[in-house]
Amino acid sequence: MATYTLTKTRQIAGVWEGVLTGAGSDAPELRVTHQGAPVPGLSLQHDPAKSQWHVGVPIPAELISDGIQTFVISDASGHTLASFALLSGEALAEDIRAEVDLLRAELDLLKSAFRAHCNDRA
């Protein structure tokens, strides 16, 4: 299993951007989810000079709404490489919903990893 490192570079014009290292020259298999559902449009561009991949995640307008919206980027094995959240609408400074949403995203990943582990052992 490859060890990837995904580092955010910026978020601009509705696109989250980052740099992935550790993937070599073969295109890595990444996925983006929002509340457990896949988010389409992930783009990868290889930079052979630096042995890295530029990752772009367009944020669909229909997923932007009041509250906090959490997106999780993971590899084919379900390992979380990065996550980002969008906050809009009412100020949530004292609202625990933001933390609960992040915990739910992590719990979904843990459940997925546990199920995969159980299936491998069966």
N, C-alpha and C. Protein backbone atom coordinates (compact mmCIF):
# COMPACT_ATOMS: atom_id res chain seq x y z
N MET A 1 0.84 -1.19 0.00
CA MET A 1 0.00 0.00 0.00
C MET A 1 0.88 1.24 0.00
N ALA A 2 0.59 2.15 -0.89
CA ALA A 2 1.36 3.39 -1.00
C ALA A 2 1.02 4.33 0.15
N THR A 3 2.02 5.10 0.56
CA THR A 3 1.81 6.11 1.59
C THR A 3 1.74 7.47 0.91
N TYR A 4 0.55 8.02 0.87
CA TYR A 4 0.33 9.31 0.23
C TYR A 4 0.32 10.41 1.27
N THR A 5 0.72 11.60 0.82
CA THR A 5 0.58 12.81 1.62
C THR A 5 -0.10 13.85 0.74
N LEU A 6 -1.25 14.32 1.18
CA LEU A 6 -2.01 15.33 0.44
C LEU A 6 -1.99 16.63 1.24
N THR A 7 -1.45 17.68 0.63
CA THR A 7 -1.31 18.97 1.29
C THR A 7 -2.11 20.01 0.54
N LYS A 8 -2.98 20.71 1.26
CA LYS A 8 -3.77 21.77 0.64
C LYS A 8 -2.86 22.91 0.20
N THR A 9 -3.12 23.43 -1.00
CA THR A 9 -2.38 24.60 -1.47
C THR A 9 -3.25 25.84 -1.44
N ARG A 10 -4.52 25.69 -1.84
CA ARG A 10 -5.44 26.83 -1.79
C ARG A 10 -6.85 26.36 -2.12
N GLN A 11 -7.79 27.26 -1.89
CA GLN A 11 -9.18 27.06 -2.30
C GLN A 11 -9.59 28.34 -3.00
N ILE A 12 -9.90 28.23 -4.29
CA ILE A 12 -10.19 29.42 -5.08
C ILE A 12 -11.22 29.10 -6.15
N ALA A 13 -12.12 30.05 -6.39
CA ALA A 13 -13.14 29.93 -7.44
C ALA A 13 -13.93 28.63 -7.33
N GLY A 14 -14.23 28.21 -6.12
CA GLY A 14 -15.03 27.01 -5.92
C GLY A 14 -14.28 25.71 -6.11
N VAL A 15 -12.96 25.76 -6.11
CA VAL A 15 -12.15 24.55 -6.29
C VAL A 15 -11.13 24.45 -5.15
N TRP A 16 -11.15 23.30 -4.45
CA TRP A 16 -10.13 23.01 -3.45
C TRP A 16 -8.95 22.43 -4.20
N GLU A 17 -7.74 22.91 -3.91
CA GLU A 17 -6.54 22.44 -4.61
C GLU A 17 -5.50 21.96 -3.60
N GLY A 18 -4.79 20.91 -4.00
CA GLY A 18 -3.75 20.37 -3.15
C GLY A 18 -2.69 19.65 -3.97
N VAL A 19 -1.64 19.22 -3.28
CA VAL A 19 -0.53 18.50 -3.92
C VAL A 19 -0.40 17.14 -3.22
N LEU A 20 -0.37 16.09 -4.03
CA LEU A 20 -0.24 14.73 -3.53
C LEU A 20 1.16 14.21 -3.83
N THR A 21 1.83 13.72 -2.80
CA THR A 21 3.16 13.11 -2.98
C THR A 21 3.10 11.66 -2.55
N GLY A 22 4.05 10.88 -3.04
CA GLY A 22 4.12 9.47 -2.67
C GLY A 22 3.40 8.54 -3.61
N ALA A 23 2.84 9.05 -4.70
CA ALA A 23 2.05 8.22 -5.61
C ALA A 23 2.86 7.68 -6.77
N GLY A 24 4.05 8.21 -7.01
CA GLY A 24 4.84 7.78 -8.15
C GLY A 24 4.23 8.28 -9.45
N SER A 25 4.46 7.53 -10.54
CA SER A 25 3.96 7.99 -11.84
C SER A 25 2.60 7.42 -12.19
N ASP A 26 2.12 6.42 -11.44
CA ASP A 26 0.79 5.86 -11.68
C ASP A 26 -0.26 6.73 -11.01
N ALA A 27 -1.32 7.01 -11.76
CA ALA A 27 -2.39 7.86 -11.22
C ALA A 27 -3.01 7.21 -9.98
N PRO A 28 -3.05 7.93 -8.88
CA PRO A 28 -3.64 7.38 -7.66
C PRO A 28 -5.16 7.31 -7.78
N GLU A 29 -5.74 6.39 -7.05
CA GLU A 29 -7.20 6.25 -7.03
C GLU A 29 -7.72 6.98 -5.80
N LEU A 30 -8.27 8.17 -6.02
CA LEU A 30 -8.79 8.99 -4.92
C LEU A 30 -10.29 9.14 -5.06
N ARG A 31 -10.93 9.44 -3.94
CA ARG A 31 -12.37 9.73 -3.97
C ARG A 31 -12.66 10.85 -2.99
N VAL A 32 -13.72 11.58 -3.31
CA VAL A 32 -14.18 12.68 -2.46
C VAL A 32 -15.61 12.36 -2.06
N THR A 33 -15.91 12.52 -0.77
CA THR A 33 -17.28 12.28 -0.31
C THR A 33 -17.78 13.48 0.49
N HIS A 34 -19.09 13.62 0.47
CA HIS A 34 -19.79 14.64 1.26
C HIS A 34 -20.98 13.92 1.89
N GLN A 35 -21.00 13.83 3.19
CA GLN A 35 -22.02 13.11 3.93
C GLN A 35 -22.15 11.68 3.43
N GLY A 36 -21.01 11.07 3.11
CA GLY A 36 -20.97 9.68 2.67
C GLY A 36 -21.24 9.45 1.19
N ALA A 37 -21.68 10.48 0.48
CA ALA A 37 -21.98 10.35 -0.95
C ALA A 37 -20.80 10.84 -1.79
N PRO A 38 -20.53 10.17 -2.92
CA PRO A 38 -19.41 10.61 -3.76
C PRO A 38 -19.64 11.99 -4.37
N VAL A 39 -18.57 12.75 -4.48
CA VAL A 39 -18.60 14.07 -5.11
C VAL A 39 -17.85 13.94 -6.44
N PRO A 40 -18.51 14.24 -7.57
CA PRO A 40 -17.85 14.07 -8.87
C PRO A 40 -16.89 15.21 -9.19
N GLY A 41 -16.03 14.96 -10.19
CA GLY A 41 -15.22 16.03 -10.75
C GLY A 41 -13.79 16.12 -10.27
N LEU A 42 -13.33 15.18 -9.45
CA LEU A 42 -11.95 15.22 -8.97
C LEU A 42 -11.00 15.20 -10.17
N SER A 43 -10.00 16.09 -10.15
CA SER A 43 -9.02 16.12 -11.25
C SER A 43 -7.62 15.89 -10.70
N LEU A 44 -6.81 15.20 -11.50
CA LEU A 44 -5.42 14.91 -11.15
C LEU A 44 -4.54 15.29 -12.33
N GLN A 45 -3.46 16.01 -12.03
CA GLN A 45 -2.47 16.36 -13.06
C GLN A 45 -1.09 15.99 -12.52
N HIS A 46 -0.39 15.16 -13.30
CA HIS A 46 0.93 14.70 -12.87
C HIS A 46 2.00 15.74 -13.18
N ASP A 47 2.88 15.96 -12.23
CA ASP A 47 4.04 16.84 -12.41
C ASP A 47 5.28 15.97 -12.25
N PRO A 48 5.76 15.37 -13.37
CA PRO A 48 6.89 14.43 -13.27
C PRO A 48 8.18 15.09 -12.78
N ALA A 49 8.35 16.37 -13.03
CA ALA A 49 9.57 17.06 -12.59
C ALA A 49 9.70 17.06 -11.07
N LYS A 50 8.56 17.15 -10.38
CA LYS A 50 8.57 17.18 -8.91
C LYS A 50 8.07 15.87 -8.31
N SER A 51 7.73 14.90 -9.17
CA SER A 51 7.20 13.62 -8.72
C SER A 51 6.01 13.80 -7.78
N GLN A 52 5.04 14.58 -8.23
CA GLN A 52 3.85 14.84 -7.44
C GLN A 52 2.64 14.99 -8.35
N TRP A 53 1.47 14.99 -7.75
CA TRP A 53 0.21 15.14 -8.47
C TRP A 53 -0.51 16.37 -7.93
N HIS A 54 -1.07 17.16 -8.84
CA HIS A 54 -1.90 18.30 -8.45
C HIS A 54 -3.35 17.81 -8.43
N VAL A 55 -4.01 18.01 -7.30
CA VAL A 55 -5.37 17.53 -7.09
C VAL A 55 -6.31 18.72 -7.08
N GLY A 56 -7.43 18.60 -7.79
CA GLY A 56 -8.46 19.63 -7.79
C GLY A 56 -9.81 19.03 -7.46
N VAL A 57 -10.53 19.64 -6.54
CA VAL A 57 -11.86 19.17 -6.16
C VAL A 57 -12.83 20.32 -6.35
N PRO A 58 -13.62 20.30 -7.45
CA PRO A 58 -14.62 21.34 -7.62
C PRO A 58 -15.75 21.12 -6.61
N ILE A 59 -16.19 22.21 -6.01
CA ILE A 59 -17.25 22.13 -5.00
C ILE A 59 -18.58 22.41 -5.70
N PRO A 60 -19.45 21.38 -5.83
CA PRO A 60 -20.72 21.58 -6.52
C PRO A 60 -21.60 22.60 -5.79
N ALA A 61 -22.18 23.51 -6.55
CA ALA A 61 -23.02 24.56 -5.96
C ALA A 61 -24.18 23.99 -5.17
N GLU A 62 -24.71 22.85 -5.61
CA GLU A 62 -25.87 22.27 -4.91
C GLU A 62 -25.52 21.72 -3.53
N LEU A 63 -24.23 21.59 -3.23
CA LEU A 63 -23.82 21.11 -1.91
C LEU A 63 -23.52 22.24 -0.93
N ILE A 64 -23.59 23.47 -1.42
CA ILE A 64 -23.34 24.63 -0.55
C ILE A 64 -24.68 25.09 0.02
N SER A 65 -24.79 25.05 1.33
CA SER A 65 -26.02 25.48 1.99
C SER A 65 -25.68 25.97 3.39
N ASP A 66 -26.68 26.47 4.10
CA ASP A 66 -26.45 26.96 5.46
C ASP A 66 -25.84 25.86 6.32
N GLY A 67 -25.00 26.27 7.23
CA GLY A 67 -24.37 25.33 8.14
C GLY A 67 -22.97 24.97 7.67
N ILE A 68 -22.50 23.85 8.16
CA ILE A 68 -21.15 23.40 7.79
C ILE A 68 -21.28 22.19 6.87
N GLN A 69 -20.54 22.21 5.79
CA GLN A 69 -20.53 21.11 4.83
C GLN A 69 -19.10 20.55 4.80
N THR A 70 -18.95 19.29 5.13
CA THR A 70 -17.64 18.67 5.24
C THR A 70 -17.39 17.73 4.06
N PHE A 71 -16.22 17.87 3.45
CA PHE A 71 -15.80 17.03 2.33
C PHE A 71 -14.57 16.24 2.78
N VAL A 72 -14.54 14.95 2.45
CA VAL A 72 -13.44 14.08 2.85
C VAL A 72 -12.79 13.50 1.60
N ILE A 73 -11.46 13.61 1.51
CA ILE A 73 -10.70 13.06 0.39
C ILE A 73 -9.95 11.84 0.92
N SER A 74 -10.17 10.68 0.27
CA SER A 74 -9.53 9.45 0.73
C SER A 74 -8.95 8.68 -0.45
N ASP A 75 -8.09 7.72 -0.13
CA ASP A 75 -7.51 6.88 -1.18
C ASP A 75 -8.40 5.66 -1.39
N ALA A 76 -7.97 4.74 -2.26
CA ALA A 76 -8.78 3.57 -2.62
C ALA A 76 -9.05 2.67 -1.42
N SER A 77 -8.16 2.67 -0.44
CA SER A 77 -8.35 1.83 0.74
C SER A 77 -9.26 2.48 1.78
N GLY A 78 -9.67 3.73 1.54
CA GLY A 78 -10.52 4.42 2.49
C GLY A 78 -9.77 5.26 3.50
N HIS A 79 -8.45 5.29 3.39
CA HIS A 79 -7.62 6.09 4.30
C HIS A 79 -7.83 7.58 4.01
N THR A 80 -8.15 8.35 5.03
CA THR A 80 -8.38 9.79 4.86
C THR A 80 -7.06 10.50 4.61
N LEU A 81 -7.01 11.23 3.49
CA LEU A 81 -5.82 12.01 3.15
C LEU A 81 -5.99 13.47 3.56
N ALA A 82 -7.21 13.98 3.42
CA ALA A 82 -7.49 15.38 3.77
C ALA A 82 -8.99 15.56 3.90
N SER A 83 -9.37 16.64 4.53
CA SER A 83 -10.78 17.02 4.58
C SER A 83 -10.84 18.54 4.64
N PHE A 84 -11.96 19.06 4.20
CA PHE A 84 -12.17 20.50 4.30
C PHE A 84 -13.64 20.75 4.54
N ALA A 85 -13.93 21.90 5.12
CA ALA A 85 -15.31 22.23 5.46
C ALA A 85 -15.65 23.63 4.98
N LEU A 86 -16.90 23.80 4.59
CA LEU A 86 -17.42 25.11 4.20
C LEU A 86 -18.45 25.52 5.23
N LEU A 87 -18.38 26.75 5.68
CA LEU A 87 -19.29 27.29 6.67
C LEU A 87 -20.04 28.45 6.06
N SER A 88 -21.36 28.41 6.14
CA SER A 88 -22.14 29.52 5.58
C SER A 88 -23.42 29.70 6.39
N GLY A 89 -24.06 30.83 6.16
CA GLY A 89 -25.30 31.11 6.86
C GLY A 89 -25.06 31.68 8.24
N GLU A 90 -25.91 31.29 9.15
CA GLU A 90 -25.84 31.78 10.52
C GLU A 90 -24.47 31.48 11.13
N ALA A 91 -24.00 32.41 11.94
CA ALA A 91 -22.71 32.20 12.62
C ALA A 91 -22.81 30.99 13.53
N LEU A 92 -21.83 30.11 13.46
CA LEU A 92 -21.85 28.88 14.25
C LEU A 92 -20.77 28.87 15.32
N ALA A 93 -20.36 30.05 15.77
CA ALA A 93 -19.25 30.12 16.72
C ALA A 93 -19.50 29.27 17.96
N GLU A 94 -20.72 29.28 18.46
CA GLU A 94 -21.02 28.53 19.68
C GLU A 94 -21.87 27.31 19.38
N ASP A 95 -21.92 26.92 18.14
CA ASP A 95 -22.80 25.82 17.74
C ASP A 95 -22.02 24.52 17.66
N ILE A 96 -22.47 23.53 18.37
CA ILE A 96 -21.78 22.24 18.39
C ILE A 96 -22.04 21.43 17.12
N ARG A 97 -22.97 21.88 16.30
CA ARG A 97 -23.27 21.13 15.07
C ARG A 97 -22.05 20.98 14.18
N ALA A 98 -21.20 21.96 14.14
CA ALA A 98 -19.99 21.88 13.31
C ALA A 98 -19.11 20.72 13.75
N GLU A 99 -18.91 20.60 15.05
CA GLU A 99 -18.08 19.52 15.57
C GLU A 99 -18.74 18.16 15.33
N VAL A 100 -20.04 18.09 15.51
CA VAL A 100 -20.76 16.84 15.30
C VAL A 100 -20.64 16.40 13.85
N ASP A 101 -20.72 17.32 12.91
CA ASP A 101 -20.60 16.99 11.49
C ASP A 101 -19.22 16.41 11.19
N LEU A 102 -18.18 17.00 11.75
CA LEU A 102 -16.83 16.47 11.55
C LEU A 102 -16.69 15.08 12.16
N LEU A 103 -17.27 14.89 13.34
CA LEU A 103 -17.21 13.57 13.98
C LEU A 103 -17.96 12.52 13.17
N ARG A 104 -19.10 12.90 12.59
CA ARG A 104 -19.85 11.96 11.75
C ARG A 104 -19.04 11.53 10.54
N ALA A 105 -18.35 12.47 9.92
CA ALA A 105 -17.52 12.14 8.75
C ALA A 105 -16.42 11.16 9.15
N GLU A 106 -15.79 11.39 10.30
CA GLU A 106 -14.75 10.49 10.77
C GLU A 106 -15.32 9.12 11.13
N LEU A 107 -16.49 9.11 11.76
CA LEU A 107 -17.13 7.85 12.13
C LEU A 107 -17.48 7.03 10.89
N ASP A 108 -17.97 7.68 9.84
CA ASP A 108 -18.27 6.98 8.59
C ASP A 108 -17.02 6.32 8.03
N LEU A 109 -15.90 7.02 8.09
CA LEU A 109 -14.64 6.44 7.60
C LEU A 109 -14.20 5.26 8.46
N LEU A 110 -14.35 5.39 9.77
CA LEU A 110 -13.97 4.29 10.66
C LEU A 110 -14.85 3.07 10.43
N LYS A 111 -16.15 3.28 10.24
CA LYS A 111 -17.05 2.16 9.97
C LYS A 111 -16.65 1.46 8.68
N SER A 112 -16.34 2.23 7.67
CA SER A 112 -15.94 1.67 6.38
C SER A 112 -14.65 0.85 6.53
N ALA A 113 -13.69 1.39 7.24
CA ALA A 113 -12.42 0.68 7.44
C ALA A 113 -12.63 -0.59 8.26
N PHE A 114 -13.49 -0.53 9.26
CA PHE A 114 -13.75 -1.70 10.10
C PHE A 114 -14.43 -2.79 9.29
N ARG A 115 -15.40 -2.42 8.46
CA ARG A 115 -16.08 -3.41 7.61
C ARG A 115 -15.10 -4.05 6.65
N ALA A 116 -14.23 -3.25 6.06
CA ALA A 116 -13.23 -3.80 5.14
C ALA A 116 -12.30 -4.75 5.88
N HIS A 117 -11.92 -4.39 7.09
CA HIS A 117 -11.05 -5.24 7.90
C HIS A 117 -11.74 -6.57 8.20
N CYS A 118 -13.02 -6.52 8.59
CA CYS A 118 -13.77 -7.74 8.90
C CYS A 118 -13.92 -8.62 7.66
N ASN A 119 -14.16 -8.01 6.50
CA ASN A 119 -14.30 -8.78 5.26
C ASN A 119 -12.98 -9.45 4.88
N ASP A 120 -11.87 -8.78 5.14
CA ASP A 120 -10.55 -9.35 4.82
C ASP A 120 -10.24 -10.55 5.70
N ARG A 121 -10.71 -10.52 6.94
CA ARG A 121 -10.41 -11.60 7.88
C ARG A 121 -11.34 -12.78 7.70
N ALA A 122 -12.46 -12.57 7.00
CA ALA A 122 -13.44 -13.66 6.84
C ALA A 122 -13.02 -14.64 5.76
